[in-house]
Amino acid sequence: MQDEDVTKKSDIYEYVLTGNEKFLNIRAFTEKQKKEAYER
């Protein structure tokens, strides 16, 4: 449970059991990164 990109750690067990990544609620980019990319 060390991955900082997983924002909903309580559903890790569901992911392990099903293999469905929707349970992890992964956030790949921060709002700051999105804004910087948009401005470029």
C-alpha atoms as a PDB file:
ATOM      1  CA  MET A   1       0.000   0.000   0.000  1.00  0.00           C
ATOM      2  CA  GLN A   2       2.910   2.302  -0.673  1.00  0.00           C
ATOM      3  CA  ASP A   3       1.747   3.519  -4.105  1.00  0.00           C
ATOM      4  CA  GLU A   4       0.919   7.235  -3.893  1.00  0.00           C
ATOM      5  CA  ASP A   5      -1.087   7.104  -7.134  1.00  0.00           C
ATOM      6  CA  VAL A   6      -3.758   4.934  -5.553  1.00  0.00           C
ATOM      7  CA  THR A   7      -6.190   7.344  -3.940  1.00  0.00           C
ATOM      8  CA  LYS A   8      -8.663   4.815  -2.525  1.00  0.00           C
ATOM      9  CA  LYS A   9      -6.625   2.327  -0.551  1.00  0.00           C
ATOM     10  CA  SER A  10      -9.655   0.602   0.990  1.00  0.00           C
ATOM     11  CA  ASP A  11     -10.494  -1.033  -2.357  1.00  0.00           C
ATOM     12  CA  ILE A  12      -7.105  -2.663  -2.882  1.00  0.00           C
ATOM     13  CA  TYR A  13      -8.534  -5.980  -1.694  1.00  0.00           C
ATOM     14  CA  GLU A  14     -11.292  -5.797  -4.329  1.00  0.00           C
ATOM     15  CA  TYR A  15      -8.632  -5.202  -6.980  1.00  0.00           C
ATOM     16  CA  VAL A  16      -6.575  -8.182  -5.804  1.00  0.00           C
ATOM     17  CA  LEU A  17      -9.628 -10.437  -5.901  1.00  0.00           C
ATOM     18  CA  THR A  18     -11.048  -9.256  -9.237  1.00  0.00           C
ATOM     19  CA  GLY A  19      -8.094  -7.741 -11.119  1.00  0.00           C
ATOM     20  CA  ASN A  20     -10.301  -4.785 -12.075  1.00  0.00           C
ATOM     21  CA  GLU A  21      -8.314  -1.530 -11.838  1.00  0.00           C
ATOM     22  CA  LYS A  22     -11.434   0.614 -11.405  1.00  0.00           C
ATOM     23  CA  PHE A  23     -11.370  -0.285  -7.712  1.00  0.00           C
ATOM     24  CA  LEU A  24      -8.007   1.454  -7.233  1.00  0.00           C
ATOM     25  CA  ASN A  25      -9.226   4.894  -8.317  1.00  0.00           C
ATOM     26  CA  ILE A  26      -5.796   5.668  -9.783  1.00  0.00           C
ATOM     27  CA  ARG A  27      -4.886   9.290 -10.348  1.00  0.00           C
ATOM     28  CA  ALA A  28      -2.029   9.447 -12.828  1.00  0.00           C
ATOM     29  CA  PHE A  29      -1.466  13.225 -12.879  1.00  0.00           C
ATOM     30  CA  THR A  30      -1.746  15.946 -10.275  1.00  0.00           C
ATOM     31  CA  GLU A  31      -3.786  19.057 -10.975  1.00  0.00           C
ATOM     32  CA  LYS A  32      -0.546  21.053 -11.206  1.00  0.00           C
ATOM     33  CA  GLN A  33       0.838  18.674 -13.840  1.00  0.00           C
ATOM     34  CA  LYS A  34      -2.373  18.908 -15.863  1.00  0.00           C
ATOM     35  CA  LYS A  35      -2.305  22.710 -15.774  1.00  0.00           C
ATOM     36  CA  GLU A  36       1.369  22.866 -16.813  1.00  0.00           C
ATOM     37  CA  ALA A  37       0.741  20.488 -19.722  1.00  0.00           C
ATOM     38  CA  TYR A  38      -2.291  22.489 -20.818  1.00  0.00           C
ATOM     39  CA  GLU A  39      -0.329  25.758 -20.749  1.00  0.00           C
ATOM     40  CA  ARG A  40       2.415  24.238 -22.913  1.00  0.00           C
END
